[in-house]
Amino acid sequence: MEENFTKQLEIGGFTPDDFKQLKSHGIALENAVEHLQTYRNGIAKTELDRPAKIGDGIVKFSSDEVAEAAAFFDVEKGNFKLIKFIPASGAASRMFKFLMQFLRDFDNGNETINAYINRKKATDLTVFLAGIEKFPFFEELNQKVRLEFPDYPSWDPTKQKYHFIKVLLDENYLDFSSKPKGILPFHRYSNHIATPIEEHLKESVHYAASNGIANLHFTVSDHHQKEFEHVIESVKSFPESQAGIQIQTGFSYQDPATDTFAVSPNNLPMRDENGRLIIRPGGHGALLQNLNALDSDIVFIKNIDNVIQNNLEVISLHKKALGGLLLRLQSEVFTLMNSIENAEIDEDQIPQIITFLEQKLNIKQSADFSKYTFEHQLAQIKTLLNRPIRVCGMVKNEGEPGGGPFWVKDPQGTISLQIVETSQVAMKNAIQAAIVGASTHFNPVDIVCGIRDFKGDKFNLNRYVNRASGFIVKKNKNGKDLKSYELPGLWNGAMANWITVFVEVPLITFNPVKTVNDLLKSAHQSH
C-alpha cells in the first residue's frame, strides 16, 4: 500500500527527501496523495438549490420565543458542561493591509499624503486618518511616536502622519500587524483599554457558564500563548467577581499534520530557496481536530474579532436562545433514539417522526423512503438522527463578504442545509449566481454545537466531514504564483453532515473587526 503511495508521489514530482520532510511534519503519505490528486483534478463547485430564507431553512423567533428559549437554557444548562471555542491563531496582518500598502507604495519625501490618496484612490486611508484620535491605541501610539522622535511636533503634517503609521506597524516599534488580533487594543473605556480576549471573558460569564464555571478554549499559535495568558491573568478577576463565576481557559495549536504543501500553477511541488517543500497551514478547517478533542457537551463557537463594547445583554440573550433551541432539539432527538433502541416505535409513528425530521431538523427524505420496510425505515431514521447538532445564528445580509446559508444538492441529489462560501459556487453560471444574489442572510460564525450522542459518548467529528469540499486558493510567495489547498472549512464542509438548524439573530450580534477602520464603528466606540 505504502509503495503505491510512494509511486504516486514520485509521479507527482516528489523526491525521497520530500517524503522525509512530509513525515517529519506529521503529514501522512495517504493525505499527501489525496491532496496531490485534489490539485490535479480540482474541486467541484457546490451546487446550490436555493437560498435558505425565513420559513424555508431559517427560523425566526419572536421576542417572546427568544426570551422563552433563553430561559429554558438557563434552567437546563446545569446538566451540561459548556465551553466557548474561539479560533484566535491568525495574525492581524489583514486588519492593517491598506496601511501596509501605504508604507510600501508611498513616495516618502516626494509626495504628500493627499497626493498618495488621490493617486491610489485610498479612501480607507482617508477614513483612518480622519478618525485617528478615536482609535483605542491612539494614546499609546502618540506617546511612542513622541518618545522615538522628540522633534516630531515641528514636522510637517505629511511627515507626522507617515511616521504615525510606521510606528504603529513597523517591527522595530509597535509591530501591530504581526501580533494576534486577540491581544490588540479594541475598546476604550473610561479607565482602561480592552482587548478582544477581555471582551470574550466578559461575554462568557453571561452565557457560556454552568455550575459556577465558564470554560473558554482559544486556538492560538504556540509562540503567542504566553501573551494570551498574560492578558487573561491581568483582566479575568473583574468579570469573575462581577458574575461570581470562575473562568477557566485552555489553549491548543493547529496540528502541523493538517498542513498542506503548495504547488505551482501546473501542479508541481513548490520549493523554497533551500529546495524544501513549501508547507502551509490547512485553513480553519484544520481546527476540527481541536474541536474534536474538547471535553464538553455543548460548545459555543465565535471568532476572536467578533466582540462588542455595548449591548452585551442583547448578545447574551440571543446566545442563550440558540443554546436553548439546541438543548430542546437534542432532547427530542435523544428521546427518539432511545425509543428506537428499546424497540418502542410502532409503524404508525413513522409519519410523525418524518414530520419532526423535516420541519424541525431540515432533514428531507428520499423519494423512495415510503417503499422501505419498517425495519429499513427505522435504520434510516436512526442514521439521520445519530449525528452532532449545530444551531447557527444568521444575520441579514448587508453585503459582507463570506459565507451564507443555502439549500445544497449533493451528487446523489440529496438536498441539505449548508453554509457556503461564494468561492465554492460557479459564479459564471447564471442560475447559480442568481441564487447567490437572492440570498437574504449571512453567516456571522455564531454557532452552538451538541457533540455528544444519546448515550453520552463523544461523536468522532471526523466522520461527518465532506472531504470533497475543500478550497484551492491562489497565493504569491516571493513573486512566484502558487496554489495552496485548504481543508473543508470548519463551519462549511467540516460540518457538512451534521444536523443543521439556522436561526435569524439581530445584526447587532455581528461586529467583526476585519479592517482597523471597523474599530471606528458604533459597536466599538464608547457611548
Protein backbone atom coordinates (compact mmCIF):
# COMPACT_ATOMS: atom_id res chain seq x y z
CA MET A 1 0.00 0.00 0.00
CA GLU A 2 2.74 2.46 1.01
CA GLU A 3 4.72 1.56 -2.10
CA ASN A 4 1.71 2.61 -4.17
CA PHE A 5 1.51 5.94 -2.32
CA THR A 6 5.23 6.48 -2.84
CA LYS A 7 4.92 5.75 -6.55
CA GLN A 8 2.04 8.22 -6.91
CA LEU A 9 4.04 10.88 -5.10
CA GLU A 10 7.09 10.29 -7.28
CA ILE A 11 4.89 10.67 -10.36
CA GLY A 12 3.73 13.97 -8.87
CA GLY A 13 7.31 15.26 -8.76
CA PHE A 14 8.28 14.42 -5.17
CA THR A 15 11.68 13.21 -4.06
CA PRO A 16 12.78 10.89 -1.22
CA ASP A 17 13.82 14.00 0.75
CA ASP A 18 10.29 15.34 0.31
CA PHE A 19 8.92 12.14 1.85
CA LYS A 20 11.16 12.66 4.86
CA GLN A 21 10.04 16.28 5.17
CA LEU A 22 6.36 15.33 4.99
CA LYS A 23 6.85 12.56 7.54
CA SER A 24 8.76 14.79 9.97
CA HIS A 25 5.93 17.32 9.67
CA GLY A 26 3.41 14.62 10.59
CA ILE A 27 1.69 14.69 7.18
CA ALA A 28 0.53 11.16 6.33
CA LEU A 29 1.51 9.88 2.89
CA GLU A 30 -2.08 8.99 2.08
CA ASN A 31 -3.09 12.61 2.83
CA ALA A 32 -0.30 13.88 0.60
CA VAL A 33 -1.55 11.64 -2.22
CA GLU A 34 -5.11 12.82 -1.67
CA HIS A 35 -4.06 16.48 -1.76
CA LEU A 36 -1.97 15.93 -4.88
CA GLN A 37 -4.96 14.37 -6.63
CA THR A 38 -7.11 17.27 -5.49
CA TYR A 39 -4.71 19.76 -7.09
CA ARG A 40 -4.76 17.81 -10.34
CA ASN A 41 -8.49 17.17 -10.50
CA GLY A 42 -9.68 20.42 -9.00
CA ILE A 43 -12.61 20.76 -6.61
CA ALA A 44 -16.13 20.52 -7.96
CA LYS A 45 -18.23 23.60 -7.31
CA THR A 46 -21.07 23.34 -4.81
CA GLU A 47 -24.48 23.07 -6.48
CA LEU A 48 -26.92 25.46 -4.83
CA ASP A 49 -30.59 24.53 -4.94
CA ARG A 50 -31.89 27.77 -3.42
CA PRO A 51 -31.02 30.26 -0.69
CA ALA A 52 -32.19 29.48 2.82
CA LYS A 53 -34.71 32.12 3.88
CA ILE A 54 -37.10 32.82 6.73
CA GLY A 55 -39.65 29.99 6.71
CA ASP A 56 -37.50 27.91 4.33
CA GLY A 57 -34.45 26.85 6.29
CA ILE A 58 -34.15 29.81 8.67
CA VAL A 59 -36.17 30.05 11.87
CA LYS A 60 -37.27 33.50 13.04
CA PHE A 61 -38.09 33.81 16.73
CA SER A 62 -40.50 36.37 18.15
CA SER A 63 -39.19 38.34 21.13
CA ASP A 64 -41.27 36.11 23.43
CA GLU A 65 -39.79 32.98 21.84
CA VAL A 66 -36.26 34.35 22.28
CA ALA A 67 -36.93 35.00 25.97
CA GLU A 68 -38.52 31.56 26.41
CA ALA A 69 -35.63 29.71 24.72
CA ALA A 70 -33.06 31.68 26.76
CA ALA A 71 -34.93 30.92 29.99
CA PHE A 72 -35.05 27.21 29.06
CA PHE A 73 -31.29 27.28 28.52
CA ASP A 74 -30.73 28.89 31.94
CA VAL A 75 -32.82 26.18 33.60
CA GLU A 76 -31.14 23.27 31.79
CA LYS A 77 -27.50 24.38 31.46
CA GLY A 78 -26.52 22.99 34.86
CA ASN A 79 -26.88 19.50 33.40
CA PHE A 80 -24.16 20.14 30.84
CA LYS A 81 -20.52 21.12 30.59
CA LEU A 82 -20.31 24.23 28.42
CA ILE A 83 -17.29 25.64 26.63
CA LYS A 84 -16.69 28.63 24.39
CA PHE A 85 -14.38 27.80 21.46
CA ILE A 86 -12.58 30.80 19.97
CA PRO A 87 -10.39 30.49 16.85
CA ALA A 88 -7.67 33.05 17.57
CA SER A 89 -4.44 31.93 15.93
CA GLY A 90 -4.36 34.36 13.00
CA ALA A 91 -2.12 37.44 12.96
CA ALA A 92 -3.66 40.87 12.42
CA SER A 93 -1.87 41.45 9.11
CA ARG A 94 -5.10 41.65 7.05
CA MET A 95 -6.51 44.14 9.52
CA PHE A 96 -3.78 46.60 8.55
CA LYS A 97 -3.40 45.63 4.89
CA PHE A 98 -4.18 49.04 3.39
CA LEU A 99 -1.78 50.73 5.83
CA MET A 100 1.00 48.27 5.00
CA GLN A 101 0.39 49.00 1.32
CA PHE A 102 0.72 52.71 2.09
CA LEU A 103 4.11 52.17 3.75
CA ARG A 104 5.28 50.20 0.71
CA ASP A 105 3.95 52.50 -2.02
CA PHE A 106 4.16 55.99 -0.53
CA ASP A 107 6.91 58.06 -2.12
CA ASN A 108 8.17 59.46 1.16
CA GLY A 109 9.78 62.84 0.77
CA ASN A 110 8.47 63.40 -2.73
CA GLU A 111 4.68 63.43 -2.36
CA THR A 112 2.05 64.47 0.14
CA ILE A 113 -0.43 62.15 1.86
CA ASN A 114 -3.24 63.77 -0.15
CA ALA A 115 -1.37 63.17 -3.40
CA TYR A 116 -1.00 59.49 -2.47
CA ILE A 117 -4.69 59.22 -1.59
CA ASN A 118 -5.64 60.71 -4.95
CA ARG A 119 -3.12 58.59 -6.85
CA LYS A 120 -4.23 55.32 -5.21
CA LYS A 121 -7.88 56.26 -4.56
CA ALA A 122 -7.06 55.27 -0.97
CA THR A 123 -10.35 56.09 0.73
CA ASP A 124 -9.55 53.67 3.59
CA LEU A 125 -6.53 55.78 4.46
CA THR A 126 -8.68 58.93 4.46
CA VAL A 127 -11.08 57.32 6.95
CA PHE A 128 -8.21 56.10 9.12
CA LEU A 129 -6.53 59.49 9.34
CA ALA A 130 -9.79 61.35 9.93
CA GLY A 131 -10.65 59.11 12.87
CA ILE A 132 -7.18 58.50 14.24
CA GLU A 133 -7.82 60.03 17.67
CA LYS A 134 -10.84 57.73 18.14
CA PHE A 135 -8.81 54.53 17.88
CA PRO A 136 -8.25 52.78 21.23
CA PHE A 137 -4.50 52.64 20.57
CA PHE A 138 -4.14 56.37 19.84
CA GLU A 139 -2.68 57.37 23.22
CA GLU A 140 -0.11 54.56 23.19
CA LEU A 141 0.82 55.35 19.60
CA ASN A 142 1.04 59.09 20.23
CA GLN A 143 3.34 58.59 23.21
CA LYS A 144 5.53 56.13 21.31
CA VAL A 145 5.97 58.47 18.33
CA ARG A 146 6.95 61.41 20.56
CA LEU A 147 9.33 59.22 22.55
CA GLU A 148 11.06 57.90 19.42
CA PHE A 149 11.12 61.26 17.59
CA PRO A 150 11.44 64.20 20.01
CA ASP A 151 11.33 66.73 17.13
CA TYR A 152 8.01 65.26 15.89
CA PRO A 153 5.96 68.41 16.75
CA SER A 154 8.00 70.51 14.31
CA TRP A 155 7.41 68.19 11.35
CA ASP A 156 5.00 68.96 8.52
CA PRO A 157 1.65 67.07 8.56
CA THR A 158 2.66 64.54 5.87
CA LYS A 159 5.81 63.52 7.75
CA GLN A 160 3.88 63.28 11.02
CA LYS A 161 1.18 61.03 9.57
CA TYR A 162 3.68 58.82 7.77
CA HIS A 163 5.62 58.18 10.96
CA PHE A 164 2.43 57.63 12.96
CA ILE A 165 1.59 54.73 10.66
CA LYS A 166 5.18 53.49 10.55
CA VAL A 167 5.46 53.35 14.35
CA LEU A 168 2.13 51.54 14.56
CA LEU A 169 3.17 48.75 12.17
CA ASP A 170 6.95 48.60 11.83
CA GLU A 171 8.59 45.60 13.52
CA ASN A 172 11.04 47.96 15.27
CA TYR A 173 8.21 49.81 17.02
CA LEU A 174 4.68 48.64 17.99
CA ASP A 175 4.55 46.00 15.23
CA PHE A 176 0.75 45.62 15.44
CA SER A 177 0.41 43.88 12.07
CA SER A 178 2.31 40.78 13.19
CA LYS A 179 0.54 40.41 16.53
CA PRO A 180 -2.57 38.26 17.02
CA LYS A 181 -5.84 40.20 16.98
CA GLY A 182 -6.72 38.86 20.42
CA ILE A 183 -4.16 40.98 22.27
CA LEU A 184 -4.64 44.24 20.35
CA PRO A 185 -6.43 47.24 21.87
CA PHE A 186 -10.03 47.16 20.60
CA HIS A 187 -12.13 49.21 23.01
CA ARG A 188 -11.52 52.33 25.09
CA TYR A 189 -13.26 52.51 28.46
CA SER A 190 -13.08 55.35 30.97
CA ASN A 191 -10.36 53.65 33.00
CA HIS A 192 -8.64 51.21 30.66
CA ILE A 193 -8.24 49.80 27.14
CA ALA A 194 -9.78 46.36 26.45
CA THR A 195 -8.58 43.62 24.13
CA PRO A 196 -10.82 41.08 22.35
CA ILE A 197 -9.66 38.49 24.89
CA GLU A 198 -11.09 40.56 27.73
CA GLU A 199 -14.39 41.06 25.89
CA HIS A 200 -14.71 37.30 25.31
CA LEU A 201 -14.13 36.67 29.04
CA LYS A 202 -16.83 39.20 29.91
CA GLU A 203 -19.23 37.55 27.44
CA SER A 204 -18.52 34.02 28.62
CA VAL A 205 -19.72 34.52 32.18
CA HIS A 206 -23.09 35.64 30.81
CA TYR A 207 -23.93 32.66 28.60
CA ALA A 208 -21.15 30.03 28.49
CA ALA A 209 -21.06 29.25 32.20
CA SER A 210 -22.67 26.42 34.16
CA ASN A 211 -22.26 25.30 37.75
CA GLY A 212 -20.19 28.36 38.56
CA ILE A 213 -17.57 27.81 35.85
CA ALA A 214 -17.06 29.45 32.46
CA ASN A 215 -14.75 27.47 30.20
CA LEU A 216 -13.03 29.15 27.26
CA HIS A 217 -10.75 27.49 24.74
CA PHE A 218 -8.54 29.55 22.43
CA THR A 219 -6.78 28.13 19.40
CA VAL A 220 -3.52 30.07 19.17
CA SER A 221 -0.07 29.97 17.64
CA ASP A 222 2.32 28.38 20.13
CA HIS A 223 4.57 31.47 20.21
CA HIS A 224 1.61 33.67 21.19
CA GLN A 225 0.20 31.62 24.07
CA LYS A 226 2.17 33.42 26.79
CA GLU A 227 0.83 36.77 25.56
CA PHE A 228 -2.72 35.43 25.76
CA GLU A 229 -2.10 34.04 29.25
CA HIS A 230 -0.68 37.37 30.40
CA VAL A 231 -3.76 39.28 29.19
CA ILE A 232 -6.14 36.74 30.75
CA GLU A 233 -4.41 36.81 34.15
CA SER A 234 -4.41 40.59 34.19
CA VAL A 235 -8.14 41.04 33.46
CA LYS A 236 -10.15 37.96 34.42
CA SER A 237 -10.66 38.83 38.09
CA PHE A 238 -13.09 41.63 37.23
CA PRO A 239 -15.67 39.59 35.25
CA GLU A 240 -15.21 36.73 37.75
CA SER A 241 -16.06 38.96 40.71
CA GLN A 242 -18.89 40.72 38.87
CA ALA A 243 -20.63 37.47 37.94
CA GLY A 244 -19.50 35.20 40.77
CA ILE A 245 -18.19 32.84 38.09
CA GLN A 246 -14.79 31.15 37.89
CA ILE A 247 -13.17 31.47 34.45
CA GLN A 248 -11.07 28.57 33.20
CA THR A 249 -9.11 28.85 29.96
CA GLY A 250 -7.41 26.32 27.73
CA PHE A 251 -5.30 26.53 24.60
CA SER A 252 -4.47 24.37 21.63
CA TYR A 253 -2.49 24.78 18.42
CA GLN A 254 -3.30 23.89 14.86
CA ASP A 255 -1.86 20.41 14.34
CA PRO A 256 1.06 20.53 11.84
CA ALA A 257 -0.23 17.21 10.49
CA THR A 258 -3.17 19.16 9.00
CA ASP A 259 -0.83 21.41 6.98
CA THR A 260 -0.65 21.00 3.22
CA PHE A 261 2.05 21.50 0.60
CA ALA A 262 1.85 24.16 -2.11
CA VAL A 263 2.14 23.53 -5.83
CA SER A 264 2.92 25.60 -8.91
CA PRO A 265 0.16 26.61 -11.35
CA ASN A 266 0.91 23.39 -13.27
CA ASN A 267 0.57 21.26 -10.11
CA LEU A 268 4.23 20.52 -9.40
CA PRO A 269 5.56 20.85 -5.83
CA MET A 270 6.71 24.35 -4.95
CA ARG A 271 10.01 24.74 -3.12
CA ASP A 272 11.77 27.41 -1.12
CA GLU A 273 15.27 28.75 -1.73
CA ASN A 274 16.70 25.68 0.03
CA GLY A 275 14.82 23.24 -2.19
CA ARG A 276 12.40 22.20 0.55
CA LEU A 277 8.65 21.88 0.04
CA ILE A 278 6.60 24.97 0.86
CA ILE A 279 4.20 23.75 3.53
CA ARG A 280 1.30 25.95 4.58
CA PRO A 281 -1.46 25.80 7.23
CA GLY A 282 -4.59 23.95 6.11
CA GLY A 283 -7.06 26.78 6.90
CA HIS A 284 -9.64 26.97 9.68
CA GLY A 285 -10.95 23.53 8.74
CA ALA A 286 -7.85 22.16 10.49
CA LEU A 287 -9.41 23.30 13.77
CA LEU A 288 -11.90 20.42 13.55
CA GLN A 289 -9.21 18.36 15.29
CA ASN A 290 -9.06 20.91 18.13
CA LEU A 291 -12.85 20.92 18.41
CA ASN A 292 -12.93 17.13 18.34
CA ALA A 293 -10.54 16.97 21.31
CA LEU A 294 -12.68 19.12 23.63
CA ASP A 295 -14.12 17.51 26.75
CA SER A 296 -17.52 19.18 26.68
CA ASP A 297 -21.21 18.66 25.98
CA ILE A 298 -22.17 21.99 24.43
CA VAL A 299 -19.75 24.25 22.51
CA PHE A 300 -20.28 27.90 21.59
CA ILE A 301 -18.14 28.95 18.60
CA LYS A 302 -17.34 32.59 17.98
CA ASN A 303 -14.43 34.29 16.20
CA ILE A 304 -11.88 36.29 18.19
CA ASP A 305 -12.61 39.59 16.40
CA ASN A 306 -16.41 39.47 16.78
CA VAL A 307 -16.78 41.39 20.04
CA ILE A 308 -18.68 44.47 21.09
CA GLN A 309 -18.31 47.34 23.53
CA ASN A 310 -22.04 47.82 24.03
CA ASN A 311 -25.25 45.77 24.15
CA LEU A 312 -23.72 42.76 25.90
CA GLU A 313 -27.14 41.89 27.32
CA VAL A 314 -28.67 41.59 23.83
CA ILE A 315 -25.85 39.37 22.63
CA SER A 316 -26.06 37.13 25.70
CA LEU A 317 -29.83 36.80 25.38
CA HIS A 318 -29.61 35.59 21.78
CA LYS A 319 -26.66 33.28 22.50
CA LYS A 320 -28.70 31.62 25.26
CA ALA A 321 -31.71 31.41 22.94
CA LEU A 322 -29.62 29.49 20.39
CA GLY A 323 -28.42 27.27 23.21
CA GLY A 324 -31.98 26.73 24.42
CA LEU A 325 -33.14 25.65 20.98
CA LEU A 326 -30.19 23.26 20.71
CA LEU A 327 -30.95 21.66 24.08
CA ARG A 328 -34.62 21.30 23.20
CA LEU A 329 -33.94 19.69 19.82
CA GLN A 330 -31.21 17.49 21.27
CA SER A 331 -33.61 16.27 23.97
CA GLU A 332 -36.19 15.31 21.34
CA VAL A 333 -33.55 13.54 19.25
CA PHE A 334 -32.25 11.62 22.25
CA THR A 335 -35.78 10.58 23.26
CA LEU A 336 -36.40 9.23 19.76
CA MET A 337 -33.05 7.44 19.67
CA ASN A 338 -33.73 5.74 22.98
CA SER A 339 -37.20 4.70 21.80
CA ILE A 340 -35.71 3.16 18.64
CA GLU A 341 -33.02 1.41 20.67
CA ASN A 342 -35.64 -0.02 23.02
CA ALA A 343 -37.94 -1.10 20.17
CA GLU A 344 -40.70 1.25 21.37
CA ILE A 345 -41.56 2.74 17.96
CA ASP A 346 -44.65 1.50 16.11
CA GLU A 347 -45.08 1.71 12.36
CA ASP A 348 -47.88 4.26 12.68
CA GLN A 349 -45.46 6.69 14.41
CA ILE A 350 -43.24 6.96 11.34
CA PRO A 351 -45.18 9.85 9.69
CA GLN A 352 -44.91 11.89 12.91
CA ILE A 353 -41.17 11.25 13.10
CA ILE A 354 -40.74 12.23 9.44
CA THR A 355 -42.56 15.50 10.13
CA PHE A 356 -40.18 16.19 13.03
CA LEU A 357 -37.17 15.46 10.83
CA GLU A 358 -38.35 17.73 8.03
CA GLN A 359 -39.87 20.61 9.98
CA LYS A 360 -37.54 20.85 12.98
CA LEU A 361 -34.26 19.39 11.71
CA ASN A 362 -34.41 20.31 7.98
CA ILE A 363 -33.82 16.67 7.00
CA LYS A 364 -35.54 15.78 3.74
CA GLN A 365 -36.39 12.15 2.98
CA SER A 366 -35.53 10.42 -0.26
CA ALA A 367 -38.42 9.93 -2.70
CA ASP A 368 -38.38 6.16 -2.23
CA PHE A 369 -38.38 6.22 1.60
CA SER A 370 -42.01 5.10 1.75
CA LYS A 371 -41.08 1.95 -0.19
CA TYR A 372 -38.68 0.77 2.51
CA THR A 373 -39.64 -1.92 5.00
CA PHE A 374 -40.43 -0.70 8.53
CA GLU A 375 -37.06 -2.04 9.78
CA HIS A 376 -35.23 -0.28 6.97
CA GLN A 377 -37.09 2.97 7.71
CA LEU A 378 -36.10 2.77 11.39
CA ALA A 379 -32.47 2.11 10.47
CA GLN A 380 -32.51 5.11 8.13
CA ILE A 381 -34.07 7.38 10.76
CA LYS A 382 -31.54 6.24 13.34
CA THR A 383 -28.67 7.09 10.99
CA LEU A 384 -30.14 10.53 10.29
CA LEU A 385 -30.69 11.31 13.97
CA ASN A 386 -27.44 9.99 15.44
CA ARG A 387 -25.25 12.91 14.38
CA PRO A 388 -23.79 16.02 16.01
CA ILE A 389 -26.13 19.01 16.01
CA ARG A 390 -25.36 22.66 15.30
CA VAL A 391 -27.66 25.65 15.70
CA CYS A 392 -26.25 28.60 13.76
CA GLY A 393 -27.21 32.23 14.10
CA MET A 394 -27.68 34.05 10.78
CA VAL A 395 -27.83 37.81 10.26
CA LYS A 396 -29.46 39.73 7.44
CA ASN A 397 -27.10 40.16 4.53
CA GLU A 398 -25.68 43.68 4.36
CA GLY A 399 -23.08 43.00 1.69
CA GLU A 400 -20.37 41.48 3.89
CA PRO A 401 -18.01 39.11 2.05
CA GLY A 402 -18.11 35.49 3.12
CA GLY A 403 -20.46 32.56 3.53
CA GLY A 404 -24.19 32.28 3.74
CA PRO A 405 -26.96 29.72 4.34
CA PHE A 406 -28.15 27.72 1.32
CA TRP A 407 -30.01 24.56 0.40
CA VAL A 408 -27.39 22.47 -1.41
CA LYS A 409 -27.77 19.48 -3.70
CA ASP A 410 -25.08 16.78 -3.48
CA PRO A 411 -24.05 14.48 -6.39
CA GLN A 412 -26.66 11.92 -5.28
CA GLY A 413 -29.42 14.54 -5.43
CA THR A 414 -29.84 14.83 -1.66
CA ILE A 415 -30.70 18.37 -0.54
CA SER A 416 -29.40 19.69 2.78
CA LEU A 417 -28.75 22.95 4.60
CA GLN A 418 -25.15 24.17 4.37
CA ILE A 419 -23.02 27.26 4.97
CA VAL A 420 -21.40 28.01 1.61
CA GLU A 421 -18.66 30.49 0.67
CA THR A 422 -19.06 32.38 -2.61
CA SER A 423 -15.74 30.91 -3.76
CA GLN A 424 -17.34 27.45 -3.68
CA VAL A 425 -20.01 28.46 -6.21
CA ALA A 426 -19.74 28.55 -10.02
CA MET A 427 -20.49 32.27 -10.22
CA LYS A 428 -20.12 32.24 -14.02
CA ASN A 429 -23.22 30.05 -14.10
CA ALA A 430 -26.14 32.49 -14.34
CA ILE A 431 -28.52 30.26 -12.37
CA GLN A 432 -26.07 29.71 -9.52
CA ALA A 433 -25.14 33.41 -9.45
CA ALA A 434 -28.83 34.32 -9.30
CA ILE A 435 -29.31 32.04 -6.27
CA VAL A 436 -26.41 33.77 -4.52
CA GLY A 437 -27.88 37.14 -5.48
CA ALA A 438 -31.23 36.17 -3.98
CA SER A 439 -29.77 35.19 -0.61
CA THR A 440 -31.02 37.19 2.33
CA HIS A 441 -28.71 36.14 5.18
CA PHE A 442 -25.03 35.92 6.06
CA ASN A 443 -23.02 33.58 8.30
CA PRO A 444 -21.53 35.52 11.25
CA VAL A 445 -19.98 32.37 12.84
CA ASP A 446 -22.39 32.30 15.74
CA ILE A 447 -22.72 28.57 16.37
CA VAL A 448 -23.80 26.32 19.24
CA CYS A 449 -22.85 22.65 18.94
CA GLY A 450 -24.02 19.46 20.59
CA ILE A 451 -21.14 16.99 20.26
CA ARG A 452 -22.32 14.01 22.34
CA ASP A 453 -24.71 11.25 21.31
CA PHE A 454 -27.80 9.96 23.13
CA LYS A 455 -25.63 7.61 25.22
CA GLY A 456 -23.39 10.46 26.36
CA ASP A 457 -20.46 9.43 24.19
CA LYS A 458 -18.46 11.98 22.21
CA PHE A 459 -19.04 11.92 18.47
CA ASN A 460 -15.94 11.46 16.33
CA LEU A 461 -16.39 14.65 14.33
CA ASN A 462 -14.06 13.43 11.58
CA ARG A 463 -16.82 11.07 10.43
CA TYR A 464 -19.11 13.95 9.39
CA VAL A 465 -16.80 15.86 7.02
CA ASN A 466 -17.48 16.30 3.32
CA ARG A 467 -13.90 15.74 2.18
CA ALA A 468 -14.67 16.87 -1.36
CA SER A 469 -15.41 20.43 -0.27
CA GLY A 470 -12.03 21.96 0.47
CA PHE A 471 -10.57 25.07 -1.16
CA ILE A 472 -7.75 25.63 -3.63
CA VAL A 473 -6.51 29.17 -3.14
CA LYS A 474 -4.08 31.14 -5.29
CA LYS A 475 -1.22 32.87 -3.49
CA ASN A 476 2.03 34.60 -4.32
CA LYS A 477 5.30 33.97 -2.47
CA ASN A 478 8.39 36.00 -3.26
CA GLY A 479 6.91 36.97 -6.62
CA LYS A 480 6.01 33.41 -7.62
CA ASP A 481 2.43 32.25 -8.12
CA LEU A 482 1.42 29.14 -6.23
CA LYS A 483 -1.66 27.14 -5.30
CA SER A 484 -2.45 26.08 -1.76
CA TYR A 485 -5.02 23.55 -0.57
CA GLU A 486 -7.17 24.36 2.43
CA LEU A 487 -9.20 21.71 4.23
CA PRO A 488 -13.01 21.84 4.24
CA GLY A 489 -13.88 24.89 6.34
CA LEU A 490 -14.77 24.34 9.99
CA TRP A 491 -18.36 25.53 9.53
CA ASN A 492 -18.51 24.59 5.81
CA GLY A 493 -17.51 21.11 4.66
CA ALA A 494 -16.15 20.04 8.06
CA MET A 495 -19.71 20.16 9.45
CA ALA A 496 -21.49 19.24 6.21
CA ASN A 497 -23.02 16.07 7.63
CA TRP A 498 -24.18 17.49 10.96
CA ILE A 499 -27.83 18.11 11.79
CA THR A 500 -28.13 21.81 10.94
CA VAL A 501 -30.61 24.46 12.09
CA PHE A 502 -30.37 28.15 11.14
CA VAL A 503 -31.89 30.93 13.27
CA GLU A 504 -32.05 34.64 12.49
CA VAL A 505 -30.22 36.76 15.06
CA PRO A 506 -30.02 40.58 15.21
CA LEU A 507 -27.32 42.35 13.22
CA ILE A 508 -26.05 43.87 16.47
CA THR A 509 -24.64 40.44 17.37
CA PHE A 510 -22.22 40.60 14.42
CA ASN A 511 -19.43 43.13 14.90
CA PRO A 512 -16.23 41.74 13.37
CA VAL A 513 -13.05 43.77 13.01
CA LYS A 514 -11.76 42.75 9.60
CA THR A 515 -10.03 46.08 8.98
CA VAL A 516 -8.71 48.55 11.54
CA ASN A 517 -11.32 51.09 10.40
CA ASP A 518 -14.06 48.79 11.76
CA LEU A 519 -12.95 49.95 15.21
CA LEU A 520 -14.50 53.34 14.35
CA LYS A 521 -17.98 51.81 14.09
CA SER A 522 -20.52 52.44 16.83
CA ALA A 523 -20.26 48.89 18.24
CA HIS A 524 -16.60 49.53 19.08
CA GLN A 525 -16.88 53.07 20.42
CA SER A 526 -17.94 54.03 23.95
CA HIS A 527 -21.28 55.80 24.18
